């Protein structure tokens, strides 16, 4: 999956990441080699955060490989998650270039605090776990 450019000049985004680090009890959140911020929530839920324009951040949670022969029910579940009235909006499920499913959303950060972002990340991680269970059949 191609990733956005590093957030070197994104003043609001970098400040929000500093607030997020404080909210979750870390001294700092260093950028990884993709230019984003990588968190592990719980035992195995990876959350990636990327800035783009200093007004929004892209939050991405890898799910699982797309099954080679998904069932009708799984396809219906995944597609319904992307409808305009889905309870996961503004997040959607997509497949990256390598065929891996990701749960992603672009979120406005103008009025967001680090504590609010931490809470959102927790909710994204919870939903990621549920979706992963549906995809892998572990639900």
C-alpha atoms as a PDB file:
ATOM      1  CA  UNK A   1       0.000   0.000   0.000  1.00  0.00           C
ATOM      2  CA  UNK A   2       1.534   3.365  -0.941  1.00  0.00           C
ATOM      3  CA  UNK A   3       1.633   5.762   1.954  1.00  0.00           C
ATOM      4  CA  UNK A   4       1.355   9.559   2.078  1.00  0.00           C
ATOM      5  CA  UNK A   5       4.498  11.667   2.384  1.00  0.00           C
ATOM      6  CA  UNK A   6       6.086  12.339   5.812  1.00  0.00           C
ATOM      7  CA  UNK A   7       4.456  14.954   8.025  1.00  0.00           C
ATOM      8  CA  UNK A   8       7.453  17.253   8.404  1.00  0.00           C
ATOM      9  CA  UNK A   9       5.626  20.568   7.932  1.00  0.00           C
ATOM     10  CA  UNK A  10       2.185  19.688   9.281  1.00  0.00           C
ATOM     11  CA  UNK A  11       2.061  21.851  12.403  1.00  0.00           C
ATOM     12  CA  UNK A  12      -1.452  20.922  13.609  1.00  0.00           C
ATOM     13  CA  UNK A  13      -0.994  17.235  12.847  1.00  0.00           C
ATOM     14  CA  UNK A  14       2.337  17.057  14.691  1.00  0.00           C
ATOM     15  CA  UNK A  15       0.835  18.900  17.682  1.00  0.00           C
ATOM     16  CA  UNK A  16      -2.062  16.434  17.721  1.00  0.00           C
ATOM     17  CA  UNK A  17       0.370  13.505  17.693  1.00  0.00           C
ATOM     18  CA  UNK A  18       2.154  15.073  20.681  1.00  0.00           C
ATOM     19  CA  UNK A  19      -1.197  15.385  22.477  1.00  0.00           C
ATOM     20  CA  UNK A  20      -2.052  11.792  21.548  1.00  0.00           C
ATOM     21  CA  UNK A  21       1.238  10.548  23.001  1.00  0.00           C
ATOM     22  CA  UNK A  22       0.501  12.352  26.265  1.00  0.00           C
ATOM     23  CA  UNK A  23      -3.086  11.036  26.334  1.00  0.00           C
ATOM     24  CA  UNK A  24      -1.922   7.427  26.041  1.00  0.00           C
ATOM     25  CA  UNK A  25       1.007   7.847  28.411  1.00  0.00           C
ATOM     26  CA  UNK A  26       3.917   7.810  25.987  1.00  0.00           C
ATOM     27  CA  UNK A  27       6.733  10.358  25.915  1.00  0.00           C
ATOM     28  CA  UNK A  28       6.489  10.716  22.113  1.00  0.00           C
ATOM     29  CA  UNK A  29       5.252   9.019  18.963  1.00  0.00           C
ATOM     30  CA  UNK A  30       8.106   8.803  16.475  1.00  0.00           C
ATOM     31  CA  UNK A  31       7.353   8.608  12.782  1.00  0.00           C
ATOM     32  CA  UNK A  32       8.067   5.258  11.170  1.00  0.00           C
ATOM     33  CA  UNK A  33       9.831   4.674   7.847  1.00  0.00           C
ATOM     34  CA  UNK A  34       6.578   5.234   5.911  1.00  0.00           C
ATOM     35  CA  UNK A  35       6.252   8.755   7.315  1.00  0.00           C
ATOM     36  CA  UNK A  36       3.311   7.933   9.536  1.00  0.00           C
ATOM     37  CA  UNK A  37       2.754   6.983  13.116  1.00  0.00           C
ATOM     38  CA  UNK A  38       2.263   3.322  14.021  1.00  0.00           C
ATOM     39  CA  UNK A  39       0.476   2.176  17.182  1.00  0.00           C
ATOM     40  CA  UNK A  40      -0.383  -1.287  18.423  1.00  0.00           C
ATOM     41  CA  UNK A  41      -3.658  -1.432  20.311  1.00  0.00           C
ATOM     42  CA  UNK A  42      -4.346  -4.512  22.367  1.00  0.00           C
ATOM     43  CA  UNK A  43      -2.538  -7.686  21.440  1.00  0.00           C
ATOM     44  CA  UNK A  44      -2.339  -7.312  17.673  1.00  0.00           C
ATOM     45  CA  UNK A  45      -4.282  -4.413  16.206  1.00  0.00           C
ATOM     46  CA  UNK A  46      -2.036  -2.093  14.275  1.00  0.00           C
ATOM     47  CA  UNK A  47      -3.204   1.478  13.682  1.00  0.00           C
ATOM     48  CA  UNK A  48      -1.384   3.750  11.248  1.00  0.00           C
ATOM     49  CA  UNK A  49      -1.898   7.516  11.207  1.00  0.00           C
ATOM     50  CA  UNK A  50      -0.859   9.764   8.324  1.00  0.00           C
ATOM     51  CA  UNK A  51      -1.200  13.500   7.829  1.00  0.00           C
ATOM     52  CA  UNK A  52      -1.852  14.992   4.469  1.00  0.00           C
ATOM     53  CA  UNK A  53      -3.037  18.564   4.551  1.00  0.00           C
ATOM     54  CA  UNK A  54      -2.961  19.520   8.256  1.00  0.00           C
ATOM     55  CA  UNK A  55      -6.763  19.541   8.299  1.00  0.00           C
ATOM     56  CA  UNK A  56      -7.296  15.781   8.274  1.00  0.00           C
ATOM     57  CA  UNK A  57      -5.475  12.609   9.183  1.00  0.00           C
ATOM     58  CA  UNK A  58      -5.752   9.255   7.491  1.00  0.00           C
ATOM     59  CA  UNK A  59      -6.255   6.398   9.936  1.00  0.00           C
ATOM     60  CA  UNK A  60      -5.582   2.925   8.576  1.00  0.00           C
ATOM     61  CA  UNK A  61      -5.969  -0.460  10.280  1.00  0.00           C
ATOM     62  CA  UNK A  62      -4.771  -3.527   8.360  1.00  0.00           C
ATOM     63  CA  UNK A  63      -7.346  -6.321   8.618  1.00  0.00           C
ATOM     64  CA  UNK A  64      -6.402  -9.559   6.872  1.00  0.00           C
ATOM     65  CA  UNK A  65      -5.708 -10.903   3.408  1.00  0.00           C
ATOM     66  CA  UNK A  66      -8.764 -10.856   1.169  1.00  0.00           C
ATOM     67  CA  UNK A  67     -10.011 -14.449   1.024  1.00  0.00           C
ATOM     68  CA  UNK A  68      -9.436 -16.047  -2.384  1.00  0.00           C
ATOM     69  CA  UNK A  69     -13.030 -17.305  -2.487  1.00  0.00           C
ATOM     70  CA  UNK A  70     -15.120 -15.139  -0.158  1.00  0.00           C
ATOM     71  CA  UNK A  71     -18.633 -16.291   0.626  1.00  0.00           C
ATOM     72  CA  UNK A  72     -21.700 -14.370  -0.442  1.00  0.00           C
ATOM     73  CA  UNK A  73     -22.312 -13.367   3.188  1.00  0.00           C
ATOM     74  CA  UNK A  74     -18.797 -11.984   3.621  1.00  0.00           C
ATOM     75  CA  UNK A  75     -18.966  -9.992   0.397  1.00  0.00           C
ATOM     76  CA  UNK A  76     -22.340  -8.587   1.438  1.00  0.00           C
ATOM     77  CA  UNK A  77     -20.959  -7.675   4.880  1.00  0.00           C
ATOM     78  CA  UNK A  78     -17.902  -5.927   3.410  1.00  0.00           C
ATOM     79  CA  UNK A  79     -19.835  -4.005   0.763  1.00  0.00           C
ATOM     80  CA  UNK A  80     -22.563  -2.893   3.190  1.00  0.00           C
ATOM     81  CA  UNK A  81     -19.836  -1.477   5.440  1.00  0.00           C
ATOM     82  CA  UNK A  82     -19.092   1.054   2.714  1.00  0.00           C
ATOM     83  CA  UNK A  83     -22.619   2.417   2.262  1.00  0.00           C
ATOM     84  CA  UNK A  84     -23.308   6.062   3.063  1.00  0.00           C
ATOM     85  CA  UNK A  85     -25.449   5.097   6.063  1.00  0.00           C
ATOM     86  CA  UNK A  86     -23.018   2.570   7.526  1.00  0.00           C
ATOM     87  CA  UNK A  87     -22.426   2.755  11.263  1.00  0.00           C
ATOM     88  CA  UNK A  88     -18.660   2.796  10.610  1.00  0.00           C
ATOM     89  CA  UNK A  89     -18.708   5.970   8.460  1.00  0.00           C
ATOM     90  CA  UNK A  90     -16.477   7.860   7.750  1.00  0.00           C
ATOM     91  CA  UNK A  91     -14.451   4.633   7.774  1.00  0.00           C
ATOM     92  CA  UNK A  92     -14.541   2.153   4.916  1.00  0.00           C
ATOM     93  CA  UNK A  93     -13.104  -1.224   4.023  1.00  0.00           C
ATOM     94  CA  UNK A  94     -10.841  -1.477   0.997  1.00  0.00           C
ATOM     95  CA  UNK A  95      -8.179  -3.714  -0.503  1.00  0.00           C
ATOM     96  CA  UNK A  96      -4.641  -2.443  -1.005  1.00  0.00           C
ATOM     97  CA  UNK A  97      -2.378  -3.209  -3.978  1.00  0.00           C
ATOM     98  CA  UNK A  98      -1.303  -6.512  -2.429  1.00  0.00           C
ATOM     99  CA  UNK A  99      -4.832  -7.792  -1.821  1.00  0.00           C
ATOM    100  CA  UNK A 100      -4.878  -7.100   1.910  1.00  0.00           C
ATOM    101  CA  UNK A 101      -8.031  -5.655   3.421  1.00  0.00           C
ATOM    102  CA  UNK A 102      -7.742  -2.395   5.349  1.00  0.00           C
ATOM    103  CA  UNK A 103     -10.186  -0.415   7.455  1.00  0.00           C
ATOM    104  CA  UNK A 104      -9.543   3.249   6.799  1.00  0.00           C
ATOM    105  CA  UNK A 105     -10.970   6.714   7.205  1.00  0.00           C
ATOM    106  CA  UNK A 106     -10.005  10.338   6.789  1.00  0.00           C
ATOM    107  CA  UNK A 107     -10.854  12.356   9.903  1.00  0.00           C
ATOM    108  CA  UNK A 108     -10.972  16.139  10.374  1.00  0.00           C
ATOM    109  CA  UNK A 109      -8.638  17.319  13.144  1.00  0.00           C
ATOM    110  CA  UNK A 110      -9.369  21.066  13.426  1.00  0.00           C
ATOM    111  CA  UNK A 111     -11.041  20.783  16.837  1.00  0.00           C
ATOM    112  CA  UNK A 112      -9.718  17.360  17.836  1.00  0.00           C
ATOM    113  CA  UNK A 113      -7.733  16.814  21.017  1.00  0.00           C
ATOM    114  CA  UNK A 114      -5.232  14.070  21.711  1.00  0.00           C
ATOM    115  CA  UNK A 115      -7.691  12.485  24.153  1.00  0.00           C
ATOM    116  CA  UNK A 116     -10.442  12.498  21.512  1.00  0.00           C
ATOM    117  CA  UNK A 117      -8.075  10.915  18.983  1.00  0.00           C
ATOM    118  CA  UNK A 118      -7.097   8.252  21.540  1.00  0.00           C
ATOM    119  CA  UNK A 119     -10.772   7.452  22.055  1.00  0.00           C
ATOM    120  CA  UNK A 120     -11.353   7.248  18.297  1.00  0.00           C
ATOM    121  CA  UNK A 121      -8.343   4.941  17.912  1.00  0.00           C
ATOM    122  CA  UNK A 122      -9.777   2.652  20.593  1.00  0.00           C
ATOM    123  CA  UNK A 123     -13.100   2.486  18.720  1.00  0.00           C
ATOM    124  CA  UNK A 124     -11.316   1.832  15.414  1.00  0.00           C
ATOM    125  CA  UNK A 125      -9.323  -0.971  17.062  1.00  0.00           C
ATOM    126  CA  UNK A 126     -12.507  -2.526  18.487  1.00  0.00           C
ATOM    127  CA  UNK A 127     -14.220  -2.433  15.095  1.00  0.00           C
ATOM    128  CA  UNK A 128     -11.072  -3.766  13.404  1.00  0.00           C
ATOM    129  CA  UNK A 129     -11.153  -6.786  15.693  1.00  0.00           C
ATOM    130  CA  UNK A 130     -14.820  -7.423  14.807  1.00  0.00           C
ATOM    131  CA  UNK A 131     -14.245  -7.054  11.064  1.00  0.00           C
ATOM    132  CA  UNK A 132     -11.150  -9.247  11.191  1.00  0.00           C
ATOM    133  CA  UNK A 133     -13.245 -11.919  12.916  1.00  0.00           C
ATOM    134  CA  UNK A 134     -15.828 -11.769  10.123  1.00  0.00           C
ATOM    135  CA  UNK A 135     -13.170 -11.984   7.409  1.00  0.00           C
ATOM    136  CA  UNK A 136     -11.214 -14.829   8.970  1.00  0.00           C
ATOM    137  CA  UNK A 137     -14.254 -16.729  10.209  1.00  0.00           C
ATOM    138  CA  UNK A 138     -13.239 -16.314  13.844  1.00  0.00           C
ATOM    139  CA  UNK A 139     -16.350 -14.259  14.713  1.00  0.00           C
END
